[in-house]
């Protein structure tokens, strides 16, 4: 079991592992979770939500790089993990000191041939 939040309200299941989460924090930070927990989806009142096809370590690194209260940075070593999850989850990332890494990654990775 992994605890990423001070107060847990529901559970995300990633790679078969339970992550106890605070809905309000996810709703505030990530548009996809806002829709999931507030719109008329079955997950709105679910006690556990499975995120199929997601790697646990990658998802935890994504949370640590995008949530307040953590000091994890986006680096050359993890940018390939963070960018794809951010695009799926709909998180706008403020790059701060990692701007050059982001520019290099996105320009080389996403240019059309």
PDB file of N, CA and C in Angstrom:
ATOM      1  N   UNK A   1       0.839  -1.177   0.000  1.00  0.00           N
ATOM      2  CA  UNK A   1       0.000   0.000   0.000  1.00  0.00           C
ATOM      3  C   UNK A   1       0.885   1.241   0.000  1.00  0.00           C
ATOM      4  N   UNK A   2       0.483   2.218  -0.786  1.00  0.00           N
ATOM      5  CA  UNK A   2       1.231   3.463  -0.886  1.00  0.00           C
ATOM      6  C   UNK A   2       0.338   4.615  -0.441  1.00  0.00           C
ATOM      7  N   UNK A   3       0.902   5.517   0.360  1.00  0.00           N
ATOM      8  CA  UNK A   3       0.172   6.689   0.814  1.00  0.00           C
ATOM      9  C   UNK A   3       0.863   7.929   0.262  1.00  0.00           C
ATOM     10  N   UNK A   4       0.174   8.663  -0.598  1.00  0.00           N
ATOM     11  CA  UNK A   4       0.749   9.885  -1.147  1.00  0.00           C
ATOM     12  C   UNK A   4       0.070  11.133  -0.589  1.00  0.00           C
ATOM     13  N   UNK A   5      -0.950  10.962   0.199  1.00  0.00           N
ATOM     14  CA  UNK A   5      -1.739  12.085   0.668  1.00  0.00           C
ATOM     15  C   UNK A   5      -1.928  12.008   2.184  1.00  0.00           C
ATOM     16  N   UNK A   6      -2.059  13.164   2.800  1.00  0.00           N
ATOM     17  CA  UNK A   6      -2.251  13.220   4.250  1.00  0.00           C
ATOM     18  C   UNK A   6      -3.600  12.628   4.653  1.00  0.00           C
ATOM     19  N   UNK A   7      -4.646  12.933   3.894  1.00  0.00           N
ATOM     20  CA  UNK A   7      -5.989  12.443   4.210  1.00  0.00           C
ATOM     21  C   UNK A   7      -6.523  11.710   2.980  1.00  0.00           C
ATOM     22  N   UNK A   8      -6.878  10.455   3.154  1.00  0.00           N
ATOM     23  CA  UNK A   8      -7.320   9.644   2.035  1.00  0.00           C
ATOM     24  C   UNK A   8      -8.841   9.583   1.971  1.00  0.00           C
ATOM     25  N   UNK A   9      -9.368   9.662   0.741  1.00  0.00           N
ATOM     26  CA  UNK A   9     -10.811   9.579   0.537  1.00  0.00           C
ATOM     27  C   UNK A   9     -11.225   8.412  -0.334  1.00  0.00           C
ATOM     28  N   UNK A  10     -10.333   7.965  -1.185  1.00  0.00           N
ATOM     29  CA  UNK A  10     -10.642   6.873  -2.091  1.00  0.00           C
ATOM     30  C   UNK A  10      -9.339   6.181  -2.461  1.00  0.00           C
ATOM     31  N   UNK A  11      -9.441   5.175  -3.281  1.00  0.00           N
ATOM     32  CA  UNK A  11      -8.279   4.378  -3.636  1.00  0.00           C
ATOM     33  C   UNK A  11      -8.138   4.291  -5.148  1.00  0.00           C
ATOM     34  N   UNK A  12      -6.925   4.494  -5.644  1.00  0.00           N
ATOM     35  CA  UNK A  12      -6.598   4.204  -7.037  1.00  0.00           C
ATOM     36  C   UNK A  12      -5.838   2.890  -7.037  1.00  0.00           C
ATOM     37  N   UNK A  13      -6.138   2.046  -7.993  1.00  0.00           N
ATOM     38  CA  UNK A  13      -5.419   0.788  -8.120  1.00  0.00           C
ATOM     39  C   UNK A  13      -4.584   0.865  -9.393  1.00  0.00           C
ATOM     40  N   UNK A  14      -3.261   0.827  -9.211  1.00  0.00           N
ATOM     41  CA  UNK A  14      -2.316   0.932 -10.318  1.00  0.00           C
ATOM     42  C   UNK A  14      -1.386  -0.275 -10.235  1.00  0.00           C
ATOM     43  N   UNK A  15      -1.297  -1.037 -11.303  1.00  0.00           N
ATOM     44  CA  UNK A  15      -0.455  -2.251 -11.309  1.00  0.00           C
ATOM     45  C   UNK A  15      -0.826  -3.199 -10.169  1.00  0.00           C
ATOM     46  N   UNK A  16      -2.091  -3.230  -9.799  1.00  0.00           N
ATOM     47  CA  UNK A  16      -2.535  -4.112  -8.731  1.00  0.00           C
ATOM     48  C   UNK A  16      -2.268  -3.598  -7.323  1.00  0.00           C
ATOM     49  N   UNK A  17      -1.595  -2.459  -7.200  1.00  0.00           N
ATOM     50  CA  UNK A  17      -1.292  -1.860  -5.896  1.00  0.00           C
ATOM     51  C   UNK A  17      -2.316  -0.769  -5.565  1.00  0.00           C
ATOM     52  N   UNK A  18      -2.657  -0.654  -4.307  1.00  0.00           N
ATOM     53  CA  UNK A  18      -3.611   0.355  -3.867  1.00  0.00           C
ATOM     54  C   UNK A  18      -2.884   1.633  -3.467  1.00  0.00           C
ATOM     55  N   UNK A  19      -3.339   2.740  -4.029  1.00  0.00           N
ATOM     56  CA  UNK A  19      -2.853   4.073  -3.661  1.00  0.00           C
ATOM     57  C   UNK A  19      -4.009   4.787  -2.985  1.00  0.00           C
ATOM     58  N   UNK A  20      -3.841   5.135  -1.735  1.00  0.00           N
ATOM     59  CA  UNK A  20      -4.892   5.826  -1.003  1.00  0.00           C
ATOM     60  C   UNK A  20      -4.731   7.316  -1.262  1.00  0.00           C
ATOM     61  N   UNK A  21      -5.779   7.931  -1.775  1.00  0.00           N
ATOM     62  CA  UNK A  21      -5.678   9.290  -2.302  1.00  0.00           C
ATOM     63  C   UNK A  21      -6.691  10.236  -1.682  1.00  0.00           C
ATOM     64  N   UNK A  22      -6.427  11.509  -1.865  1.00  0.00           N
ATOM     65  CA  UNK A  22      -7.333  12.575  -1.475  1.00  0.00           C
ATOM     66  C   UNK A  22      -8.009  13.087  -2.738  1.00  0.00           C
ATOM     67  N   UNK A  23      -9.299  12.825  -2.869  1.00  0.00           N
ATOM     68  CA  UNK A  23     -10.036  13.238  -4.074  1.00  0.00           C
ATOM     69  C   UNK A  23      -9.910  14.730  -4.337  1.00  0.00           C
ATOM     70  N   UNK A  24     -10.055  15.529  -3.294  1.00  0.00           N
ATOM     71  CA  UNK A  24     -10.050  16.989  -3.473  1.00  0.00           C
ATOM     72  C   UNK A  24      -8.739  17.465  -4.096  1.00  0.00           C
ATOM     73  N   UNK A  25      -7.634  16.867  -3.685  1.00  0.00           N
ATOM     74  CA  UNK A  25      -6.340  17.273  -4.233  1.00  0.00           C
ATOM     75  C   UNK A  25      -6.216  16.878  -5.703  1.00  0.00           C
ATOM     76  N   UNK A  26      -6.667  15.683  -6.041  1.00  0.00           N
ATOM     77  CA  UNK A  26      -6.628  15.266  -7.443  1.00  0.00           C
ATOM     78  C   UNK A  26      -7.567  16.111  -8.303  1.00  0.00           C
ATOM     79  N   UNK A  27      -8.743  16.402  -7.783  1.00  0.00           N
ATOM     80  CA  UNK A  27      -9.700  17.238  -8.517  1.00  0.00           C
ATOM     81  C   UNK A  27      -9.109  18.619  -8.775  1.00  0.00           C
ATOM     82  N   UNK A  28      -8.439  19.175  -7.791  1.00  0.00           N
ATOM     83  CA  UNK A  28      -7.853  20.506  -7.920  1.00  0.00           C
ATOM     84  C   UNK A  28      -6.726  20.527  -8.955  1.00  0.00           C
ATOM     85  N   UNK A  29      -5.942  19.471  -9.040  1.00  0.00           N
ATOM     86  CA  UNK A  29      -4.744  19.464  -9.872  1.00  0.00           C
ATOM     87  C   UNK A  29      -4.939  18.904 -11.279  1.00  0.00           C
ATOM     88  N   UNK A  30      -5.843  17.965 -11.457  1.00  0.00           N
ATOM     89  CA  UNK A  30      -5.920  17.235 -12.717  1.00  0.00           C
ATOM     90  C   UNK A  30      -7.341  17.254 -13.280  1.00  0.00           C
ATOM     91  N   UNK A  31      -7.536  17.863 -14.452  1.00  0.00           N
ATOM     92  CA  UNK A  31      -8.871  17.953 -15.053  1.00  0.00           C
ATOM     93  C   UNK A  31      -9.559  16.607 -15.253  1.00  0.00           C
ATOM     94  N   UNK A  32      -8.817  15.574 -15.611  1.00  0.00           N
ATOM     95  CA  UNK A  32      -9.446  14.278 -15.839  1.00  0.00           C
ATOM     96  C   UNK A  32     -10.052  13.724 -14.554  1.00  0.00           C
ATOM     97  N   UNK A  33      -9.394  13.935 -13.425  1.00  0.00           N
ATOM     98  CA  UNK A  33      -9.947  13.469 -12.158  1.00  0.00           C
ATOM     99  C   UNK A  33     -11.115  14.337 -11.713  1.00  0.00           C
ATOM    100  N   UNK A  34     -11.086  15.611 -12.058  1.00  0.00           N
ATOM    101  CA  UNK A  34     -12.243  16.472 -11.754  1.00  0.00           C
ATOM    102  C   UNK A  34     -13.487  15.929 -12.449  1.00  0.00           C
ATOM    103  N   UNK A  35     -13.361  15.599 -13.723  1.00  0.00           N
ATOM    104  CA  UNK A  35     -14.506  15.032 -14.461  1.00  0.00           C
ATOM    105  C   UNK A  35     -14.899  13.678 -13.892  1.00  0.00           C
ATOM    106  N   UNK A  36     -13.922  12.848 -13.617  1.00  0.00           N
ATOM    107  CA  UNK A  36     -14.174  11.499 -13.125  1.00  0.00           C
ATOM    108  C   UNK A  36     -14.946  11.509 -11.809  1.00  0.00           C
ATOM    109  N   UNK A  37     -14.569  12.416 -10.907  1.00  0.00           N
ATOM    110  CA  UNK A  37     -15.167  12.435  -9.574  1.00  0.00           C
ATOM    111  C   UNK A  37     -16.379  13.351  -9.431  1.00  0.00           C
ATOM    112  N   UNK A  38     -16.648  14.204 -10.421  1.00  0.00           N
ATOM    113  CA  UNK A  38     -17.773  15.132 -10.268  1.00  0.00           C
ATOM    114  C   UNK A  38     -18.870  14.957 -11.315  1.00  0.00           C
ATOM    115  N   UNK A  39     -18.527  14.425 -12.474  1.00  0.00           N
ATOM    116  CA  UNK A  39     -19.538  14.225 -13.521  1.00  0.00           C
ATOM    117  C   UNK A  39     -20.280  12.910 -13.261  1.00  0.00           C
ATOM    118  N   UNK A  40     -21.194  12.608 -14.135  1.00  0.00           N
ATOM    119  CA  UNK A  40     -22.030  11.424 -13.960  1.00  0.00           C
ATOM    120  C   UNK A  40     -21.329  10.169 -14.491  1.00  0.00           C
ATOM    121  N   UNK A  41     -20.224   9.808 -13.860  1.00  0.00           N
ATOM    122  CA  UNK A  41     -19.493   8.586 -14.175  1.00  0.00           C
ATOM    123  C   UNK A  41     -19.624   7.634 -13.003  1.00  0.00           C
ATOM    124  N   UNK A  42     -19.484   6.339 -13.266  1.00  0.00           N
ATOM    125  CA  UNK A  42     -19.586   5.354 -12.179  1.00  0.00           C
ATOM    126  C   UNK A  42     -18.515   5.570 -11.110  1.00  0.00           C
ATOM    127  N   UNK A  43     -17.367   6.130 -11.506  1.00  0.00           N
ATOM    128  CA  UNK A  43     -16.270   6.359 -10.577  1.00  0.00           C
ATOM    129  C   UNK A  43     -16.555   7.460  -9.560  1.00  0.00           C
ATOM    130  N   UNK A  44     -17.573   8.261  -9.832  1.00  0.00           N
ATOM    131  CA  UNK A  44     -17.889   9.395  -8.955  1.00  0.00           C
ATOM    132  C   UNK A  44     -18.032   8.965  -7.494  1.00  0.00           C
ATOM    133  N   UNK A  45     -18.691   7.861  -7.260  1.00  0.00           N
ATOM    134  CA  UNK A  45     -18.919   7.403  -5.884  1.00  0.00           C
ATOM    135  C   UNK A  45     -18.190   6.101  -5.560  1.00  0.00           C
ATOM    136  N   UNK A  46     -17.299   5.691  -6.444  1.00  0.00           N
ATOM    137  CA  UNK A  46     -16.573   4.436  -6.225  1.00  0.00           C
ATOM    138  C   UNK A  46     -15.557   4.588  -5.100  1.00  0.00           C
ATOM    139  N   UNK A  47     -15.348   3.526  -4.375  1.00  0.00           N
ATOM    140  CA  UNK A  47     -14.352   3.527  -3.299  1.00  0.00           C
ATOM    141  C   UNK A  47     -12.965   3.181  -3.833  1.00  0.00           C
ATOM    142  N   UNK A  48     -12.941   2.491  -4.973  1.00  0.00           N
ATOM    143  CA  UNK A  48     -11.669   2.133  -5.596  1.00  0.00           C
ATOM    144  C   UNK A  48     -11.818   2.269  -7.111  1.00  0.00           C
ATOM    145  N   UNK A  49     -10.801   2.844  -7.730  1.00  0.00           N
ATOM    146  CA  UNK A  49     -10.804   3.061  -9.180  1.00  0.00           C
ATOM    147  C   UNK A  49      -9.520   2.472  -9.742  1.00  0.00           C
ATOM    148  N   UNK A  50      -9.678   1.567 -10.697  1.00  0.00           N
ATOM    149  CA  UNK A  50      -8.499   0.956 -11.315  1.00  0.00           C
ATOM    150  C   UNK A  50      -8.057   1.787 -12.516  1.00  0.00           C
ATOM    151  N   UNK A  51      -6.754   1.981 -12.627  1.00  0.00           N
ATOM    152  CA  UNK A  51      -6.159   2.676 -13.766  1.00  0.00           C
ATOM    153  C   UNK A  51      -5.382   1.644 -14.582  1.00  0.00           C
ATOM    154  N   UNK A  52      -6.057   0.968 -15.498  1.00  0.00           N
ATOM    155  CA  UNK A  52      -5.397  -0.118 -16.235  1.00  0.00           C
ATOM    156  C   UNK A  52      -4.307   0.401 -17.169  1.00  0.00           C
ATOM    157  N   UNK A  53      -3.284  -0.419 -17.331  1.00  0.00           N
ATOM    158  CA  UNK A  53      -2.222  -0.099 -18.267  1.00  0.00           C
ATOM    159  C   UNK A  53      -1.221   0.935 -17.789  1.00  0.00           C
ATOM    160  N   UNK A  54      -1.315   1.339 -16.544  1.00  0.00           N
ATOM    161  CA  UNK A  54      -0.378   2.332 -15.992  1.00  0.00           C
ATOM    162  C   UNK A  54       0.653   1.625 -15.117  1.00  0.00           C
ATOM    163  N   UNK A  55       1.878   2.047 -15.205  1.00  0.00           N
ATOM    164  CA  UNK A  55       2.964   1.528 -14.397  1.00  0.00           C
ATOM    165  C   UNK A  55       2.969   2.247 -13.055  1.00  0.00           C
ATOM    166  N   UNK A  56       3.009   1.498 -11.974  1.00  0.00           N
ATOM    167  CA  UNK A  56       2.932   2.093 -10.637  1.00  0.00           C
ATOM    168  C   UNK A  56       4.057   3.088 -10.385  1.00  0.00           C
ATOM    169  N   UNK A  57       5.289   2.699 -10.654  1.00  0.00           N
ATOM    170  CA  UNK A  57       6.425   3.590 -10.387  1.00  0.00           C
ATOM    171  C   UNK A  57       6.362   4.851 -11.249  1.00  0.00           C
ATOM    172  N   UNK A  58       5.922   4.716 -12.481  1.00  0.00           N
ATOM    173  CA  UNK A  58       5.784   5.885 -13.358  1.00  0.00           C
ATOM    174  C   UNK A  58       4.690   6.809 -12.849  1.00  0.00           C
ATOM    175  N   UNK A  59       3.572   6.233 -12.424  1.00  0.00           N
ATOM    176  CA  UNK A  59       2.465   7.047 -11.925  1.00  0.00           C
ATOM    177  C   UNK A  59       2.854   7.783 -10.648  1.00  0.00           C
ATOM    178  N   UNK A  60       3.558   7.096  -9.754  1.00  0.00           N
ATOM    179  CA  UNK A  60       4.012   7.747  -8.521  1.00  0.00           C
ATOM    180  C   UNK A  60       4.994   8.870  -8.825  1.00  0.00           C
ATOM    181  N   UNK A  61       5.896   8.653  -9.770  1.00  0.00           N
ATOM    182  CA  UNK A  61       6.860   9.697 -10.157  1.00  0.00           C
ATOM    183  C   UNK A  61       6.104  10.893 -10.753  1.00  0.00           C
ATOM    184  N   UNK A  62       5.098  10.622 -11.577  1.00  0.00           N
ATOM    185  CA  UNK A  62       4.272  11.688 -12.144  1.00  0.00           C
ATOM    186  C   UNK A  62       3.628  12.515 -11.024  1.00  0.00           C
ATOM    187  N   UNK A  63       3.027  11.852 -10.062  1.00  0.00           N
ATOM    188  CA  UNK A  63       2.393  12.568  -8.947  1.00  0.00           C
ATOM    189  C   UNK A  63       3.407  13.403  -8.183  1.00  0.00           C
ATOM    190  N   UNK A  64       4.577  12.847  -7.915  1.00  0.00           N
ATOM    191  CA  UNK A  64       5.598  13.560  -7.139  1.00  0.00           C
ATOM    192  C   UNK A  64       6.160  14.759  -7.903  1.00  0.00           C
ATOM    193  N   UNK A  65       6.121  14.702  -9.224  1.00  0.00           N
ATOM    194  CA  UNK A  65       6.629  15.825 -10.027  1.00  0.00           C
ATOM    195  C   UNK A  65       5.570  16.889 -10.285  1.00  0.00           C
ATOM    196  N   UNK A  66       4.304  16.575 -10.076  1.00  0.00           N
ATOM    197  CA  UNK A  66       3.249  17.533 -10.431  1.00  0.00           C
ATOM    198  C   UNK A  66       2.397  18.004  -9.261  1.00  0.00           C
ATOM    199  N   UNK A  67       2.426  17.299  -8.150  1.00  0.00           N
ATOM    200  CA  UNK A  67       1.651  17.728  -6.984  1.00  0.00           C
ATOM    201  C   UNK A  67       2.460  18.677  -6.110  1.00  0.00           C
ATOM    202  N   UNK A  68       1.767  19.569  -5.433  1.00  0.00           N
ATOM    203  CA  UNK A  68       2.412  20.455  -4.464  1.00  0.00           C
ATOM    204  C   UNK A  68       2.922  19.630  -3.292  1.00  0.00           C
ATOM    205  N   UNK A  69       3.966  20.121  -2.659  1.00  0.00           N
ATOM    206  CA  UNK A  69       4.468  19.471  -1.463  1.00  0.00           C
ATOM    207  C   UNK A  69       5.594  18.487  -1.692  1.00  0.00           C
ATOM    208  N   UNK A  70       5.858  18.165  -2.935  1.00  0.00           N
ATOM    209  CA  UNK A  70       6.966  17.274  -3.263  1.00  0.00           C
ATOM    210  C   UNK A  70       8.042  18.090  -3.946  1.00  0.00           C
ATOM    211  N   UNK A  71       9.249  17.671  -3.825  1.00  0.00           N
ATOM    212  CA  UNK A  71      10.363  18.418  -4.402  1.00  0.00           C
ATOM    213  C   UNK A  71      10.964  17.711  -5.615  1.00  0.00           C
ATOM    214  N   UNK A  72      10.281  16.694  -6.135  1.00  0.00           N
ATOM    215  CA  UNK A  72      10.803  15.976  -7.294  1.00  0.00           C
ATOM    216  C   UNK A  72      10.743  16.866  -8.529  1.00  0.00           C
ATOM    217  N   UNK A  73      11.803  16.852  -9.296  1.00  0.00           N
ATOM    218  CA  UNK A  73      11.893  17.657 -10.509  1.00  0.00           C
ATOM    219  C   UNK A  73      11.732  16.784 -11.741  1.00  0.00           C
ATOM    220  N   UNK A  74      11.366  17.416 -12.810  1.00  0.00           N
ATOM    221  CA  UNK A  74      11.365  16.755 -14.107  1.00  0.00           C
ATOM    222  C   UNK A  74      12.798  16.849 -14.632  1.00  0.00           C
ATOM    223  N   UNK A  75      13.372  15.704 -14.939  1.00  0.00           N
ATOM    224  CA  UNK A  75      14.778  15.638 -15.335  1.00  0.00           C
ATOM    225  C   UNK A  75      14.916  14.897 -16.661  1.00  0.00           C
ATOM    226  N   UNK A  76      16.143  14.858 -17.164  1.00  0.00           N
ATOM    227  CA  UNK A  76      16.425  14.067 -18.363  1.00  0.00           C
ATOM    228  C   UNK A  76      16.032  12.605 -18.164  1.00  0.00           C
ATOM    229  N   UNK A  77      16.188  12.110 -16.943  1.00  0.00           N
ATOM    230  CA  UNK A  77      15.916  10.708 -16.656  1.00  0.00           C
ATOM    231  C   UNK A  77      14.427  10.374 -16.573  1.00  0.00           C
ATOM    232  N   UNK A  78      13.570  11.339 -16.224  1.00  0.00           N
ATOM    233  CA  UNK A  78      12.154  11.003 -16.048  1.00  0.00           C
ATOM    234  C   UNK A  78      11.196  11.731 -16.993  1.00  0.00           C
ATOM    235  N   UNK A  79      11.698  12.614 -17.825  1.00  0.00           N
ATOM    236  CA  UNK A  79      10.797  13.380 -18.695  1.00  0.00           C
ATOM    237  C   UNK A  79      10.001  12.469 -19.624  1.00  0.00           C
ATOM    238  N   UNK A  80      10.598  11.362 -20.048  1.00  0.00           N
ATOM    239  CA  UNK A  80       9.892  10.421 -20.927  1.00  0.00           C
ATOM    240  C   UNK A  80       8.743   9.717 -20.209  1.00  0.00           C
ATOM    241  N   UNK A  81       8.743   9.747 -18.892  1.00  0.00           N
ATOM    242  CA  UNK A  81       7.654   9.195 -18.086  1.00  0.00           C
ATOM    243  C   UNK A  81       6.584  10.258 -17.841  1.00  0.00           C
ATOM    244  N   UNK A  82       6.997  11.461 -17.509  1.00  0.00           N
ATOM    245  CA  UNK A  82       6.084  12.527 -17.096  1.00  0.00           C
ATOM    246  C   UNK A  82       5.245  13.059 -18.253  1.00  0.00           C
ATOM    247  N   UNK A  83       5.873  13.352 -19.386  1.00  0.00           N
ATOM    248  CA  UNK A  83       5.148  13.956 -20.521  1.00  0.00           C
ATOM    249  C   UNK A  83       3.981  13.091 -20.989  1.00  0.00           C
ATOM    250  N   UNK A  84       4.172  11.805 -21.254  1.00  0.00           N
ATOM    251  CA  UNK A  84       3.021  10.998 -21.708  1.00  0.00           C
ATOM    252  C   UNK A  84       1.890  10.934 -20.686  1.00  0.00           C
ATOM    253  N   UNK A  85       2.220  10.788 -19.406  1.00  0.00           N
ATOM    254  CA  UNK A  85       1.162  10.766 -18.387  1.00  0.00           C
ATOM    255  C   UNK A  85       0.470  12.116 -18.291  1.00  0.00           C
ATOM    256  N   UNK A  86       1.219  13.190 -18.401  1.00  0.00           N
ATOM    257  CA  UNK A  86       0.622  14.527 -18.349  1.00  0.00           C
ATOM    258  C   UNK A  86      -0.347  14.723 -19.509  1.00  0.00           C
ATOM    259  N   UNK A  87      -0.004  14.206 -20.678  1.00  0.00           N
ATOM    260  CA  UNK A  87      -0.903  14.378 -21.822  1.00  0.00           C
ATOM    261  C   UNK A  87      -2.172  13.562 -21.656  1.00  0.00           C
ATOM    262  N   UNK A  88      -2.071  12.394 -21.046  1.00  0.00           N
ATOM    263  CA  UNK A  88      -3.250  11.555 -20.806  1.00  0.00           C
ATOM    264  C   UNK A  88      -4.109  12.153 -19.701  1.00  0.00           C
ATOM    265  N   UNK A  89      -3.480  12.581 -18.625  1.00  0.00           N
ATOM    266  CA  UNK A  89      -4.204  13.077 -17.455  1.00  0.00           C
ATOM    267  C   UNK A  89      -4.628  14.531 -17.633  1.00  0.00           C
ATOM    268  N   UNK A  90      -4.028  15.223 -18.584  1.00  0.00           N
ATOM    269  CA  UNK A  90      -4.447  16.586 -18.871  1.00  0.00           C
ATOM    270  C   UNK A  90      -3.865  17.609 -17.931  1.00  0.00           C
ATOM    271  N   UNK A  91      -2.700  17.331 -17.418  1.00  0.00           N
ATOM    272  CA  UNK A  91      -2.057  18.256 -16.478  1.00  0.00           C
ATOM    273  C   UNK A  91      -1.170  19.217 -17.239  1.00  0.00           C
ATOM    274  N   UNK A  92      -1.384  20.498 -17.031  1.00  0.00           N
ATOM    275  CA  UNK A  92      -0.489  21.511 -17.575  1.00  0.00           C
ATOM    276  C   UNK A  92       0.693  21.616 -16.642  1.00  0.00           C
ATOM    277  N   UNK A  93       1.871  21.403 -17.180  1.00  0.00           N
ATOM    278  CA  UNK A  93       3.074  21.424 -16.353  1.00  0.00           C
ATOM    279  C   UNK A  93       3.780  22.755 -16.500  1.00  0.00           C
ATOM    280  N   UNK A  94       4.086  23.367 -15.387  1.00  0.00           N
ATOM    281  CA  UNK A  94       4.912  24.564 -15.381  1.00  0.00           C
ATOM    282  C   UNK A  94       6.344  24.090 -15.238  1.00  0.00           C
ATOM    283  N   UNK A  95       7.137  24.362 -16.251  1.00  0.00           N
ATOM    284  CA  UNK A  95       8.458  23.752 -16.328  1.00  0.00           C
ATOM    285  C   UNK A  95       9.488  24.379 -15.411  1.00  0.00           C
ATOM    286  N   UNK A  96       9.353  25.647 -15.088  1.00  0.00           N
ATOM    287  CA  UNK A  96      10.336  26.326 -14.242  1.00  0.00           C
ATOM    288  C   UNK A  96      11.753  26.087 -14.752  1.00  0.00           C
ATOM    289  N   UNK A  97      12.625  25.542 -13.902  1.00  0.00           N
ATOM    290  CA  UNK A  97      14.026  25.359 -14.276  1.00  0.00           C
ATOM    291  C   UNK A  97      14.230  24.227 -15.261  1.00  0.00           C
ATOM    292  N   UNK A  98      13.210  23.458 -15.534  1.00  0.00           N
ATOM    293  CA  UNK A  98      13.345  22.321 -16.436  1.00  0.00           C
ATOM    294  C   UNK A  98      12.927  22.656 -17.868  1.00  0.00           C
ATOM    295  N   UNK A  99      12.810  23.935 -18.183  1.00  0.00           N
ATOM    296  CA  UNK A  99      12.345  24.344 -19.496  1.00  0.00           C
ATOM    297  C   UNK A  99      13.184  23.764 -20.628  1.00  0.00           C
ATOM    298  N   UNK A 100      14.485  23.793 -20.486  1.00  0.00           N
ATOM    299  CA  UNK A 100      15.352  23.286 -21.543  1.00  0.00           C
ATOM    300  C   UNK A 100      15.128  21.800 -21.774  1.00  0.00           C
ATOM    301  N   UNK A 101      14.966  21.047 -20.709  1.00  0.00           N
ATOM    302  CA  UNK A 101      14.705  19.615 -20.846  1.00  0.00           C
ATOM    303  C   UNK A 101      13.392  19.410 -21.593  1.00  0.00           C
ATOM    304  N   UNK A 102      12.369  20.141 -21.195  1.00  0.00           N
ATOM    305  CA  UNK A 102      11.061  20.002 -21.830  1.00  0.00           C
ATOM    306  C   UNK A 102      11.128  20.380 -23.306  1.00  0.00           C
ATOM    307  N   UNK A 103      11.807  21.472 -23.611  1.00  0.00           N
ATOM    308  CA  UNK A 103      11.928  21.898 -25.001  1.00  0.00           C
ATOM    309  C   UNK A 103      12.651  20.848 -25.829  1.00  0.00           C
ATOM    310  N   UNK A 104      13.750  20.323 -25.311  1.00  0.00           N
ATOM    311  CA  UNK A 104      14.507  19.315 -26.037  1.00  0.00           C
ATOM    312  C   UNK A 104      13.668  18.065 -26.243  1.00  0.00           C
ATOM    313  N   UNK A 105      12.982  17.648 -25.201  1.00  0.00           N
ATOM    314  CA  UNK A 105      12.188  16.429 -25.286  1.00  0.00           C
ATOM    315  C   UNK A 105      11.037  16.594 -26.261  1.00  0.00           C
ATOM    316  N   UNK A 106      10.280  17.665 -26.110  1.00  0.00           N
ATOM    317  CA  UNK A 106       9.101  17.822 -26.956  1.00  0.00           C
ATOM    318  C   UNK A 106       9.490  18.115 -28.393  1.00  0.00           C
ATOM    319  N   UNK A 107      10.531  18.876 -28.644  1.00  0.00           N
ATOM    320  CA  UNK A 107      10.893  19.167 -30.024  1.00  0.00           C
ATOM    321  C   UNK A 107      11.441  17.941 -30.723  1.00  0.00           C
ATOM    322  N   UNK A 108      12.212  17.115 -30.050  1.00  0.00           N
ATOM    323  CA  UNK A 108      12.765  15.934 -30.706  1.00  0.00           C
ATOM    324  C   UNK A 108      11.760  14.796 -30.773  1.00  0.00           C
ATOM    325  N   UNK A 109      10.900  14.690 -29.791  1.00  0.00           N
ATOM    326  CA  UNK A 109       9.982  13.562 -29.707  1.00  0.00           C
ATOM    327  C   UNK A 109       8.698  13.780 -30.512  1.00  0.00           C
ATOM    328  N   UNK A 110       8.210  15.009 -30.551  1.00  0.00           N
ATOM    329  CA  UNK A 110       6.880  15.227 -31.107  1.00  0.00           C
ATOM    330  C   UNK A 110       6.866  15.891 -32.474  1.00  0.00           C
ATOM    331  N   UNK A 111       8.004  16.130 -33.082  1.00  0.00           N
ATOM    332  CA  UNK A 111       7.992  16.753 -34.403  1.00  0.00           C
ATOM    333  C   UNK A 111       7.502  15.732 -35.432  1.00  0.00           C
ATOM    334  N   UNK A 112       6.770  16.201 -36.404  1.00  0.00           N
ATOM    335  CA  UNK A 112       6.281  15.309 -37.443  1.00  0.00           C
ATOM    336  C   UNK A 112       7.339  15.140 -38.515  1.00  0.00           C
ATOM    337  N   UNK A 113       7.379  13.985 -39.091  1.00  0.00           N
ATOM    338  CA  UNK A 113       8.382  13.672 -40.108  1.00  0.00           C
ATOM    339  C   UNK A 113       7.839  14.004 -41.491  1.00  0.00           C
TER     340      UNK A 113
END
